Protein backbone atom coordinates (compact mmCIF):
# COMPACT_ATOMS: atom_id res chain seq x y z
CA MET A 1 -65.38 100.26 -46.44
CA PHE A 2 -62.99 99.22 -49.50
CA ARG A 3 -60.20 98.43 -46.75
CA TYR A 4 -62.51 96.90 -44.84
CA GLN A 5 -63.58 94.12 -47.17
CA LEU A 6 -59.77 93.55 -48.58
CA LEU A 7 -58.94 92.77 -45.23
CA GLN A 8 -61.96 90.39 -44.52
CA ALA A 9 -61.12 88.82 -47.86
CA SER A 10 -57.40 87.70 -46.94
CA TYR A 11 -58.56 86.43 -43.36
CA LEU A 12 -61.11 84.37 -44.61
CA THR A 13 -59.24 82.33 -47.47
CA ILE A 14 -55.27 83.12 -47.50
CA SER A 15 -54.42 80.80 -45.21
CA SER A 16 -55.86 77.67 -46.74
CA CYS A 17 -53.19 78.46 -49.51
CA LEU A 18 -49.83 79.91 -47.74
CA LEU A 19 -50.29 78.13 -44.62
CA SER A 20 -50.46 74.38 -45.99
CA GLN A 21 -47.44 73.38 -48.27
CA ILE A 22 -44.89 76.06 -48.75
CA THR A 23 -41.92 74.74 -48.00
CA VAL A 24 -38.74 75.92 -48.24
CA SER A 25 -36.50 73.81 -50.59
CA ALA A 26 -32.66 74.14 -51.94
CA ALA A 27 -33.96 72.32 -55.22
CA SER A 28 -31.98 74.10 -58.16
CA ASN A 29 -33.89 75.26 -61.29
CA ALA A 30 -30.46 75.43 -63.33
CA ILE A 31 -29.88 71.78 -63.85
CA ALA A 32 -29.57 70.61 -67.82
CA GLN A 33 -32.30 68.75 -68.74
CA PRO A 34 -31.02 64.96 -69.62
CA ALA A 35 -31.90 63.47 -73.32
CA SER A 36 -35.00 61.02 -72.70
CA ASN A 37 -34.60 57.43 -73.31
CA PRO A 38 -35.88 56.35 -76.92
CA VAL A 39 -35.64 52.52 -75.88
CA GLU A 40 -37.44 52.23 -72.42
CA THR A 41 -41.21 52.38 -73.58
CA THR A 42 -42.88 54.42 -69.91
CA ILE A 43 -46.48 54.96 -68.41
CA VAL A 44 -46.89 58.67 -67.43
CA SER A 45 -49.56 59.89 -64.59
CA GLN A 46 -51.07 62.85 -65.66
CA SER A 47 -51.95 63.38 -62.04
CA ILE A 48 -49.05 66.24 -60.90
CA LYS A 49 -49.12 68.24 -58.00
CA PRO A 50 -48.90 71.88 -58.64
CA ILE A 51 -45.99 73.58 -56.91
CA LYS A 52 -43.78 70.69 -57.52
CA GLN A 53 -44.37 70.79 -61.19
CA GLN A 54 -43.24 74.59 -61.42
CA LYS A 55 -39.96 73.58 -59.45
CA ARG A 56 -38.77 70.45 -61.37
CA SER A 57 -39.21 71.59 -65.03
CA ARG A 58 -35.56 70.54 -65.40
CA PRO A 59 -34.89 67.43 -62.82
CA PRO A 60 -31.86 65.57 -62.83
CA VAL A 61 -30.33 62.05 -63.53
CA PHE A 62 -29.55 59.15 -61.48
CA SER A 63 -29.09 56.05 -62.92
CA GLY A 64 -29.78 56.72 -66.67
CA GLN A 65 -33.66 57.49 -65.55
CA LYS A 66 -34.74 60.83 -65.02
CA VAL A 67 -35.58 61.75 -61.49
CA ARG A 68 -39.21 63.64 -62.22
CA SER A 69 -42.22 65.19 -60.65
CA GLU A 70 -44.96 63.21 -62.38
CA ALA A 71 -44.57 59.17 -62.20
CA VAL A 72 -43.01 57.65 -64.68
CA VAL A 73 -42.48 54.01 -64.93
CA PRO A 74 -40.95 51.14 -67.23
CA MET A 75 -43.61 49.42 -68.78
CA GLY A 76 -41.51 45.77 -68.26
CA ASN A 77 -43.43 42.46 -69.26
CA ASN A 78 -45.57 39.84 -66.86
CA GLU A 79 -42.68 37.38 -66.79
CA THR A 80 -40.38 39.88 -64.66
CA ILE A 81 -39.94 39.12 -60.48
CA ILE A 82 -39.04 41.63 -58.28
CA THR A 83 -35.79 40.41 -56.61
CA LYS A 84 -35.24 43.41 -54.31
CA ILE A 85 -36.76 46.87 -53.66
CA ALA A 86 -33.90 49.77 -53.13
CA VAL A 87 -34.37 52.83 -51.52
CA ARG A 88 -32.02 55.42 -52.72
CA TYR A 89 -31.48 58.96 -52.25
CA VAL A 90 -30.14 61.78 -54.88
CA ASP A 91 -29.53 65.40 -54.32
CA GLU A 92 -30.60 68.21 -56.66
CA ASP A 93 -27.88 67.13 -59.26
CA GLY A 94 -28.82 63.94 -59.47
CA LYS A 95 -25.44 62.59 -56.89
CA LEU A 96 -26.01 59.78 -54.65
CA THR A 97 -26.17 60.88 -50.83
CA THR A 98 -27.11 60.26 -47.59
CA GLY A 99 -31.08 60.14 -46.55
CA LYS A 100 -32.72 61.73 -43.71
CA THR A 101 -35.49 59.38 -43.99
CA ASN A 102 -36.21 55.66 -43.02
CA PRO A 103 -36.76 53.59 -47.00
CA ASP A 104 -39.72 52.29 -45.06
CA VAL A 105 -41.12 55.84 -45.46
CA ILE A 106 -40.32 55.04 -48.85
CA THR A 107 -41.89 51.23 -49.61
CA ARG A 108 -44.70 51.27 -47.65
CA GLU A 109 -46.26 53.01 -50.89
CA LEU A 110 -45.84 50.20 -52.74
CA ALA A 111 -48.04 47.60 -53.59
CA LEU A 112 -45.41 45.45 -54.80
CA GLN A 113 -43.12 43.61 -52.89
CA PRO A 114 -39.73 41.00 -53.26
CA GLY A 115 -40.91 38.19 -54.81
CA ASP A 116 -44.18 39.72 -56.89
CA LEU A 117 -44.74 39.93 -60.95
CA TYR A 118 -43.73 43.72 -61.96
CA ASN A 119 -46.42 45.53 -62.68
CA ALA A 120 -46.58 48.96 -64.82
CA LYS A 121 -49.83 49.64 -62.84
CA LEU A 122 -48.96 49.43 -59.71
CA ALA A 123 -45.96 50.53 -59.80
CA LYS A 124 -47.16 53.83 -61.23
CA GLU A 125 -49.63 53.88 -58.36
CA GLY A 126 -46.77 53.10 -55.77
CA LEU A 127 -44.33 56.00 -57.45
CA GLU A 128 -47.36 58.50 -57.49
CA GLY A 129 -47.81 57.90 -53.79
CA VAL A 130 -44.23 58.46 -52.79
CA LEU A 131 -44.52 62.00 -55.07
CA ASP A 132 -47.72 62.76 -53.08
CA LEU A 133 -45.04 62.65 -49.72
CA ASN A 134 -44.90 65.96 -48.33
CA ILE A 135 -40.64 65.10 -47.71
CA VAL A 136 -40.02 64.12 -51.41
CA GLU A 137 -39.23 66.53 -53.46
CA ARG A 138 -38.55 64.45 -56.97
CA ALA A 139 -38.59 60.52 -57.19
CA SER A 140 -38.29 57.81 -59.88
CA LEU A 141 -38.17 54.11 -60.35
CA THR A 142 -36.20 51.94 -62.59
CA LEU A 143 -35.95 48.13 -63.07
CA LYS A 144 -32.80 46.58 -63.65
CA THR A 145 -32.77 43.03 -65.14
CA VAL A 146 -30.35 41.04 -62.76
CA ALA A 147 -30.81 37.45 -63.71
CA ASP A 148 -33.69 35.86 -66.91
CA ASN A 149 -37.01 37.35 -65.66
CA ARG A 150 -35.41 38.99 -62.31
CA ALA A 151 -34.81 42.10 -61.24
CA VAL A 152 -33.97 45.03 -58.77
CA MET A 153 -36.92 47.67 -58.43
CA THR A 154 -35.00 50.95 -57.21
CA ILE A 155 -36.62 53.80 -56.36
CA ALA A 156 -34.51 57.38 -56.64
CA VAL A 157 -35.49 59.92 -54.46
CA GLN A 158 -34.74 63.57 -53.79
CA GLU A 159 -35.89 64.90 -50.41
CA SER A 160 -37.54 68.18 -49.75
CA SER A 161 -36.64 70.46 -46.86
CA ASN A 162 -37.22 69.48 -43.16
CA LEU A 163 -38.16 73.19 -42.87
CA SER A 164 -41.72 74.77 -43.86
CA LEU A 165 -42.55 78.13 -43.74
CA GLY A 166 -45.85 79.97 -44.35
CA PHE A 167 -47.41 83.45 -44.37
CA GLY A 168 -51.11 83.91 -44.17
CA LEU A 169 -53.59 86.65 -42.18
CA THR A 170 -55.38 84.16 -39.83
CA LEU A 171 -55.07 80.13 -38.48
CA PRO A 172 -56.44 77.46 -39.21
CA PRO A 173 -59.87 76.60 -37.54
CA PRO A 174 -60.36 75.69 -33.82
CA THR A 175 -60.79 72.14 -35.04
CA ALA A 176 -59.41 68.77 -34.76
CA LEU A 177 -60.09 68.31 -39.06
CA GLN A 178 -57.54 70.60 -39.99
CA GLY A 179 -56.06 68.24 -43.19
CA PRO A 180 -57.64 69.02 -46.80
CA VAL A 181 -60.79 67.63 -46.10
CA ARG A 182 -61.94 69.93 -44.11
CA PRO A 183 -65.10 71.43 -46.23
CA THR A 184 -64.82 74.75 -46.96
CA THR A 185 -68.54 76.00 -47.19
CA VAL A 186 -67.82 79.84 -47.53
CA ASN A 187 -66.79 80.61 -43.96
CA ALA A 188 -69.82 78.25 -42.66
CA VAL A 189 -68.49 78.88 -38.86
CA SER A 190 -68.13 82.37 -37.47
CA ASP A 191 -64.49 82.01 -36.67
CA SER A 192 -62.05 84.17 -38.00
CA ALA A 193 -61.56 87.81 -36.73
CA SER A 194 -62.04 90.98 -38.32
CA GLY A 195 -59.53 93.89 -39.00
CA PHE A 196 -56.18 94.47 -39.63
CA GLY A 197 -53.52 91.87 -39.12
CA GLY A 198 -51.07 89.07 -39.84
CA GLY A 199 -49.58 85.88 -39.36
CA PHE A 200 -47.19 83.20 -40.00
CA GLN A 201 -46.95 79.25 -39.87
CA VAL A 202 -43.03 77.54 -39.69
CA GLY A 203 -42.76 74.06 -39.23
CA LEU A 204 -40.28 71.07 -39.08
CA LEU A 205 -41.03 68.07 -41.32
CA ASN A 206 -39.92 64.45 -40.85
CA LEU A 207 -38.74 64.35 -37.42
CA GLY A 208 -36.93 61.26 -36.80
CA GLY A 209 -36.69 60.32 -40.96
CA ASN A 210 -40.75 58.99 -39.89
CA ASN A 211 -42.60 61.20 -41.66
CA GLN A 212 -44.16 62.92 -39.37
CA GLU A 213 -43.87 66.92 -38.53
CA ILE A 214 -44.55 69.53 -35.99
CA ASP A 215 -45.53 73.18 -36.69
CA LEU A 216 -46.70 76.33 -34.84
CA GLY A 217 -49.19 79.20 -36.17
CA ILE A 218 -48.89 82.56 -35.06
CA GLU A 219 -51.21 85.61 -35.64
CA GLY A 220 -51.61 89.12 -34.12
CA GLY A 221 -53.28 92.43 -35.26
CA GLU A 222 -55.65 95.32 -34.64
CA GLN A 223 -58.96 92.81 -33.29
CA ASN A 224 -56.79 89.42 -32.74
CA PHE A 225 -54.21 87.07 -31.66
CA GLY A 226 -53.51 83.83 -31.26
CA LEU A 227 -51.45 80.65 -31.49
CA ASN A 228 -51.87 76.71 -33.20
CA LEU A 229 -49.42 74.16 -32.35
CA GLY A 230 -49.78 70.80 -34.27
CA TYR A 231 -47.85 67.64 -35.08
CA ARG A 232 -48.80 64.92 -37.44
CA LYS A 233 -47.69 61.53 -37.87
CA PHE A 234 -48.34 59.93 -41.46
CA PHE A 235 -48.42 56.10 -41.59
CA LYS A 236 -48.66 56.54 -45.42
CA HIS A 237 -49.02 59.85 -47.55
CA ASP A 238 -52.87 59.75 -47.58
CA ARG A 239 -53.88 58.85 -44.19
CA GLY A 240 -51.94 59.29 -40.30
CA ILE A 241 -53.03 61.18 -37.40
CA GLY A 242 -52.99 64.98 -35.78
CA VAL A 243 -52.88 66.76 -32.83
CA ASN A 244 -53.49 70.15 -32.35
CA PHE A 245 -53.32 72.70 -29.56
CA PHE A 246 -55.08 76.13 -29.89
CA SER A 247 -56.14 79.95 -28.44
CA ARG A 248 -56.97 82.65 -30.15
CA ARG A 249 -58.85 85.56 -29.17
CA GLY A 250 -60.71 88.49 -31.35
CA VAL A 251 -63.48 90.60 -32.28
CA GLU A 252 -65.51 88.08 -34.51
CA PRO A 253 -68.15 89.23 -37.34
CA GLU A 254 -70.93 87.87 -36.13
CA PHE A 255 -70.66 90.35 -33.03
CA ASP A 256 -69.20 93.13 -34.82
CA GLU A 257 -70.71 95.97 -37.17
CA SER A 258 -73.54 96.14 -39.09
CA ASP A 259 -76.27 98.89 -39.70
CA ARG A 260 -76.89 98.80 -35.86
CA ASP A 261 -73.84 98.54 -33.89
CA LEU A 262 -73.83 97.01 -30.40
CA ASP A 263 -71.26 96.38 -27.94
CA LEU A 264 -70.88 95.48 -24.62
CA PRO A 265 -72.50 97.30 -21.50
CA ASP A 266 -69.17 98.97 -20.93
CA ASP A 267 -68.98 100.31 -24.93
CA ASP A 268 -66.32 97.88 -25.63
CA ASP A 269 -66.22 95.27 -28.42
CA PRO A 270 -66.84 91.62 -27.28
CA TRP A 271 -63.29 89.58 -27.68
CA VAL A 272 -64.21 85.88 -28.38
CA HIS A 273 -61.94 83.81 -26.31
CA ARG A 274 -61.29 79.83 -27.62
CA LEU A 275 -59.17 77.82 -25.94
CA GLY A 276 -58.29 74.34 -26.83
CA GLY A 277 -57.23 71.28 -28.76
CA GLY A 278 -58.24 67.89 -30.65
CA VAL A 279 -57.40 64.67 -32.57
CA GLU A 280 -57.91 63.86 -36.05
CA TYR A 281 -57.35 60.53 -38.22
CA PHE A 282 -57.43 60.28 -41.57
CA GLN A 283 -57.39 58.56 -44.48
CA PRO A 284 -59.09 57.52 -47.95
CA ILE A 285 -62.58 56.11 -48.25
CA GLY A 286 -62.52 55.04 -51.66
CA THR A 287 -61.36 56.05 -55.43
CA ASP A 288 -60.45 59.95 -55.03
CA PHE A 289 -62.59 59.93 -51.89
CA ALA A 290 -61.18 61.08 -48.45
CA GLY A 291 -62.20 61.60 -45.02
CA ALA A 292 -61.09 62.60 -41.68
CA LEU A 293 -62.75 61.83 -38.23
CA GLY A 294 -61.80 63.41 -35.30
CA VAL A 295 -62.58 64.91 -31.61
CA SER A 296 -62.39 68.28 -30.25
CA TYR A 297 -62.83 70.71 -26.98
CA GLN A 298 -63.27 74.55 -26.53
CA ARG A 299 -63.52 76.77 -23.52
CA VAL A 300 -65.27 79.61 -25.18
CA SER A 301 -66.01 82.85 -23.09
CA ILE A 302 -66.59 86.88 -24.32
CA LYS A 303 -64.12 89.02 -22.68
CA ASP A 304 -64.27 92.82 -22.91
CA GLY A 305 -61.01 93.69 -23.87
CA ALA A 306 -57.99 92.07 -25.76
CA PHE A 307 -55.92 91.24 -22.55
CA SER A 308 -58.84 91.23 -19.86
CA ASP A 309 -60.35 88.78 -17.48
CA ASN A 310 -63.78 89.73 -17.23
CA ILE A 311 -66.30 88.04 -19.20
CA GLU A 312 -69.44 89.35 -20.80
CA PRO A 313 -71.97 86.85 -21.74
CA ARG A 314 -74.54 89.76 -22.92
CA ASP A 315 -74.43 93.11 -25.16
CA GLU A 316 -75.50 96.02 -23.86
CA LEU A 317 -79.23 95.36 -24.47
CA GLY A 318 -78.97 92.21 -22.28
CA ASN A 319 -79.39 89.67 -25.57
CA ARG A 320 -76.94 86.54 -24.98
CA LEU A 321 -73.50 86.11 -26.64
CA MET A 322 -72.71 82.66 -24.98
CA VAL A 323 -74.80 80.06 -23.32
CA SER A 324 -73.62 80.10 -19.85
CA ASP A 325 -72.86 83.02 -17.43
CA ASP A 326 -68.82 81.62 -17.21
CA GLY A 327 -68.00 80.26 -20.24
CA ASP A 328 -69.35 77.42 -22.95
CA ASP A 329 -67.74 74.35 -23.01
CA LEU A 330 -67.88 72.56 -26.41
CA LEU A 331 -66.67 68.66 -26.72
CA THR A 332 -67.40 67.71 -30.42
CA LEU A 333 -66.86 65.09 -32.72
CA ASN A 334 -65.85 65.87 -36.25
CA PHE A 335 -66.21 64.41 -39.57
CA ALA A 336 -65.28 65.44 -43.06
CA ALA A 337 -65.44 63.51 -46.41
CA VAL A 338 -64.71 64.92 -50.15
CA LEU A 339 -65.25 63.45 -53.19
CA ASN A 340 -62.52 65.11 -55.98
CA ARG A 341 -62.88 64.77 -59.27
CA GLN A 342 -61.17 67.50 -60.67
CA ASN A 343 -58.96 67.24 -63.65
CA ASN A 344 -56.22 69.77 -62.30
CA PRO A 345 -56.07 70.48 -59.00
CA ARG A 346 -53.99 73.82 -59.81
CA ASN A 347 -57.10 75.21 -62.56
CA PRO A 348 -60.03 72.73 -62.88
CA THR A 349 -61.55 73.29 -65.72
CA ARG A 350 -64.07 70.11 -65.97
CA GLY A 351 -65.13 67.65 -63.47
CA TYR A 352 -66.53 68.26 -59.92
CA GLN A 353 -66.07 67.97 -56.02
CA LEU A 354 -68.38 67.46 -53.14
CA GLN A 355 -67.81 68.32 -49.79
CA PHE A 356 -69.27 67.34 -46.18
CA GLY A 357 -69.18 68.18 -42.57
CA SER A 358 -70.36 67.29 -39.42
CA ASP A 359 -69.69 68.36 -35.75
CA GLN A 360 -71.76 66.66 -32.77
CA TYR A 361 -71.37 68.24 -29.80
CA PHE A 362 -72.23 66.76 -26.30
CA PRO A 363 -73.56 68.75 -23.39
CA ILE A 364 -71.31 69.37 -20.75
CA GLY A 365 -70.61 71.99 -18.70
CA GLU A 366 -72.86 74.59 -17.43
CA ALA A 367 -73.58 75.26 -21.11
CA GLY A 368 -74.79 71.83 -21.99
CA ILE A 369 -74.79 72.65 -25.76
CA LEU A 370 -76.28 69.87 -27.96
CA ALA A 371 -76.24 70.30 -31.57
CA ASN A 372 -75.05 68.72 -34.95
CA ARG A 373 -74.08 71.24 -37.47
CA LEU A 374 -74.21 70.44 -41.21
CA ALA A 375 -72.77 71.69 -43.86
CA ALA A 376 -72.12 70.45 -47.39
CA SER A 377 -71.02 71.87 -51.01
CA TYR A 378 -70.85 70.92 -54.35
CA THR A 379 -68.60 72.61 -57.07
CA GLN A 380 -69.44 71.71 -60.90
CA TYR A 381 -66.54 72.50 -63.28
CA ILE A 382 -68.07 72.97 -66.83
CA PRO A 383 -66.14 73.81 -70.04
CA PHE A 384 -67.53 76.84 -71.40
CA PRO A 385 -66.10 78.77 -74.97
CA LEU A 386 -67.25 81.60 -74.46
CA PHE A 387 -65.02 84.27 -74.76
CA GLY A 388 -61.36 85.19 -73.88
CA PHE A 389 -57.87 86.70 -74.91
CA THR A 390 -55.77 84.27 -75.59
CA LYS A 391 -55.09 79.87 -75.85
CA GLY A 392 -55.82 78.95 -72.37
CA ALA A 393 -59.67 76.93 -70.72
CA ARG A 394 -62.99 78.96 -70.90
CA THR A 395 -64.68 77.49 -67.80
CA LEU A 396 -68.03 77.66 -66.14
CA VAL A 397 -67.77 77.11 -62.38
CA LEU A 398 -71.30 76.45 -60.65
CA ASN A 399 -70.81 76.00 -56.69
CA LEU A 400 -73.94 75.39 -54.42
CA GLN A 401 -73.60 75.30 -50.67
CA GLY A 402 -75.93 74.98 -47.76
CA GLY A 403 -76.32 74.32 -44.12
CA THR A 404 -78.09 73.68 -41.04
CA ILE A 405 -77.68 73.24 -37.02
CA LEU A 406 -79.73 70.75 -35.29
CA GLY A 407 -79.99 71.76 -31.40
CA ASP A 408 -78.91 74.84 -29.92
CA ALA A 409 -77.65 77.05 -32.56
CA ILE A 410 -74.81 79.21 -30.89
CA PRO A 411 -74.20 82.59 -32.11
CA TYR A 412 -70.45 81.98 -32.20
CA ASP A 413 -70.56 78.84 -34.23
CA ALA A 414 -73.39 79.84 -36.56
CA PHE A 415 -73.36 80.22 -40.28
CA ILE A 416 -72.67 84.11 -41.41
CA LEU A 417 -73.28 85.27 -44.47
CA GLY A 418 -71.69 88.38 -46.69
CA GLY A 419 -68.13 88.43 -47.34
CA SER A 420 -65.19 87.51 -50.01
CA SER A 421 -65.92 83.89 -49.55
CA SER A 422 -69.99 84.08 -49.32
CA VAL A 423 -71.74 86.95 -51.24
CA ARG A 424 -68.89 89.42 -53.14
CA GLY A 425 -70.11 92.86 -52.27
CA TYR A 426 -70.53 92.60 -48.88
CA ASP A 427 -68.74 92.86 -45.69
CA THR A 428 -68.15 89.54 -43.74
CA ALA A 429 -71.50 88.59 -41.84
CA GLU A 430 -73.58 91.67 -43.00
CA ILE A 431 -76.42 89.96 -45.07
CA SER A 432 -76.76 86.78 -41.80
CA THR A 433 -75.77 85.02 -38.42
CA SER A 434 -78.19 82.04 -39.30
CA ARG A 435 -79.30 78.59 -38.01
CA SER A 436 -79.70 77.51 -41.69
CA PHE A 437 -78.64 78.45 -45.10
CA ILE A 438 -78.07 78.32 -48.73
CA GLN A 439 -75.62 79.85 -51.63
CA ALA A 440 -75.29 79.59 -55.42
CA THR A 441 -72.34 80.72 -57.22
CA ALA A 442 -72.09 81.32 -60.75
CA GLU A 443 -68.58 82.05 -62.32
CA TYR A 444 -66.96 82.38 -65.59
CA ARG A 445 -62.73 82.13 -65.90
CA TYR A 446 -61.70 83.17 -68.90
CA PRO A 447 -57.68 83.54 -70.20
CA ILE A 448 -56.33 86.75 -70.41
CA VAL A 449 -52.41 86.38 -70.86
CA GLY A 450 -49.51 83.94 -69.79
CA PHE A 451 -45.72 84.91 -69.23
CA ASN A 452 -43.05 83.40 -67.54
CA VAL A 453 -41.44 85.02 -63.94
CA PHE A 454 -38.23 83.14 -62.93
CA LYS A 455 -38.84 80.18 -65.30
CA ASN A 456 -42.66 79.92 -63.38
CA LYS A 457 -45.72 80.18 -65.39
CA ILE A 458 -47.85 83.07 -64.73
CA ASP A 459 -51.72 82.93 -66.02
CA VAL A 460 -53.59 85.57 -65.55
CA GLY A 461 -57.24 85.06 -66.96
CA GLY A 462 -60.39 87.06 -66.30
CA THR A 463 -63.80 86.15 -64.22
CA LEU A 464 -67.36 87.36 -64.11
CA PHE A 465 -69.69 86.28 -61.53
CA ILE A 466 -73.06 86.80 -59.50
CA ASP A 467 -73.60 85.15 -55.92
CA TYR A 468 -76.17 84.64 -53.68
CA ALA A 469 -77.23 83.77 -50.23
CA THR A 470 -80.12 83.48 -47.95
CA ASP A 471 -80.72 82.55 -44.77
CA LEU A 472 -84.03 80.92 -45.02
CA GLY A 473 -85.31 83.07 -42.57
CA SER A 474 -83.63 81.08 -39.59
CA ALA A 475 -81.63 84.04 -38.02
CA ASP A 476 -83.63 84.45 -35.35
CA ALA A 477 -83.70 80.63 -34.39
CA VAL A 478 -79.78 81.30 -33.08
CA ILE A 479 -79.35 82.07 -29.52
CA GLY A 480 -79.33 86.00 -29.29
CA GLN A 481 -80.07 86.58 -32.38
CA PRO A 482 -77.28 88.43 -33.65
CA ALA A 483 -78.54 89.39 -37.17
CA ILE A 484 -81.88 90.40 -36.43
CA VAL A 485 -80.82 92.91 -33.45
CA ARG A 486 -77.66 94.10 -35.75
CA ASP A 487 -80.70 94.32 -38.44
CA ARG A 488 -79.22 92.20 -41.34
CA SER A 489 -81.36 91.47 -44.50
CA GLY A 490 -81.23 87.89 -44.30
CA ASP A 491 -81.00 87.18 -47.98
CA GLY A 492 -78.89 89.38 -50.78
CA PHE A 493 -76.82 88.76 -54.12
CA GLY A 494 -73.86 90.59 -55.53
CA TYR A 495 -72.01 90.56 -58.43
CA GLY A 496 -68.83 91.66 -59.96
CA LEU A 497 -65.46 90.63 -62.05
CA GLY A 498 -61.61 90.41 -61.67
CA LEU A 499 -58.56 89.24 -62.14
CA ARG A 500 -57.59 85.86 -61.58
CA THR A 501 -53.96 85.06 -61.55
CA LEU A 502 -52.60 81.20 -61.09
CA THR A 503 -49.07 81.38 -59.72
CA PRO A 504 -46.72 78.40 -57.89
CA ILE A 505 -48.40 79.54 -54.59
CA GLY A 506 -52.19 79.43 -55.87
CA ALA A 507 -54.11 81.51 -57.64
CA VAL A 508 -54.02 85.06 -56.35
CA GLN A 509 -57.33 87.34 -56.92
CA THR A 510 -58.49 90.64 -57.50
CA GLU A 511 -62.26 91.33 -57.84
CA PHE A 512 -64.46 94.01 -58.07
CA ALA A 513 -67.92 93.82 -56.58
CA PHE A 514 -71.19 95.18 -56.20
CA ASN A 515 -74.60 94.24 -53.81
CA GLU A 516 -77.86 95.13 -54.85
CA GLY A 517 -77.83 98.24 -53.29
CA GLY A 518 -74.85 98.94 -55.29
CA ASP A 519 -71.99 99.63 -53.06
CA PRO A 520 -68.60 98.66 -54.29
CA LYS A 521 -65.89 96.80 -52.58
CA PHE A 522 -62.44 95.70 -54.02
CA ILE A 523 -61.23 92.14 -52.74
CA PHE A 524 -58.17 90.75 -52.69
CA THR A 525 -57.55 87.04 -51.86
CA VAL A 526 -55.23 84.30 -52.05
CA GLY A 527 -56.37 80.52 -52.79
CA ASP A 528 -59.18 79.29 -54.68
CA ARG A 529 -62.90 80.24 -53.56
CA PHE A 530 -63.82 76.63 -53.43
């Protein structure tokens, strides 16, 4: 039981951190920190990207201006006219070099253009956009006076590596929406395989110097294997298009072991095979508000083995595992949005985040599935100075999630409850596979100790938590009733404590949890739960 929960937790959470933006960078941390300019007044942004903040603690110098990982711009005055915008590329030592990126990719992040009056607020917003580009390691903005009230605005850029590499235990969900706005409603779709496994993702960034990228993810293990090929083209740092193709097969938790184990008629485990792809468009909707819209297609079939072509539409008792006998075609219109008002992306201690997602299924093929799957998640971060063992934030985190399926509730895309990203103390899907659900979590986070490893700050804290989820009595409305026939309870709560370590790759958590029956589970996850 201990080993199973550890592996399930990793499947549900690790890819969200490690498969996203871990890049192989040639930047050095052994660069001397230059003295600050005592004359120039600056505006400094507090919106610092967490991983880059760790790598850039000792930035180089270019033209007397620090090349920073945070947006620092001259104040200027209300009379300076920008005559030209220049882009200069530098290496980690601040020396001029040949850049790979087309200058237009940098300048299109700026609202200011030649002929405009310099505005420090707009300059800072533009530099923040440049720093948010995945292809940029560090950047700075300077003004050089060329005549009375006229100046050249220069953007100095240190580029990131063109290679990205990530390791995890599962690929992203099989949908067009694979960006950061996809709602993380505690594995609200049952598309993660169980058992021991591993995977990696490799990508090429900034193809053609135009901020487009291609990546390949491969996974394999005891009960799963698959691949995902993706392409993205960014129009700006926060908008663009994406295309992906995937093929994956695995034993998924909605059909896996419970108090009552049901297999296929030949006593084999049901393997869910998903083949398809999608396209998405993502952009901001408003301040701190982002959205994505996509169209995806899947061919889903249940096989009797990892490499078998035999389709098995029913389990050993005759319960439906899919809608048609030959495989289900799923054509969906996907929408997701996130309103993020957290104060710190690395370790939020106040503010909130609201996420919402909708997947509209259109009836095509023999299955003719018509449905809309809705899910939402709200997280509130509250300063709560109860106790701690060193200086640092003490935070109460409250999370409420819910969802429902209008129309055909297919079992392999239903909501699954229980597990490391749902109710800790249970195995994945041990509580239910349902049409609807509500889930709540209260978690107290407190500091224990902080130290440095290879010039990276590591903060170790503790957590106390309690989780609860219910399927609202909707398990019998799922096609094939996988939770009912496997004697799953339909609701449950768990509680426990753990260690939460903040590292350059995200939060690493080890937790010890119990369910209401007193059964213990040890959990290891990488990436924040919410």
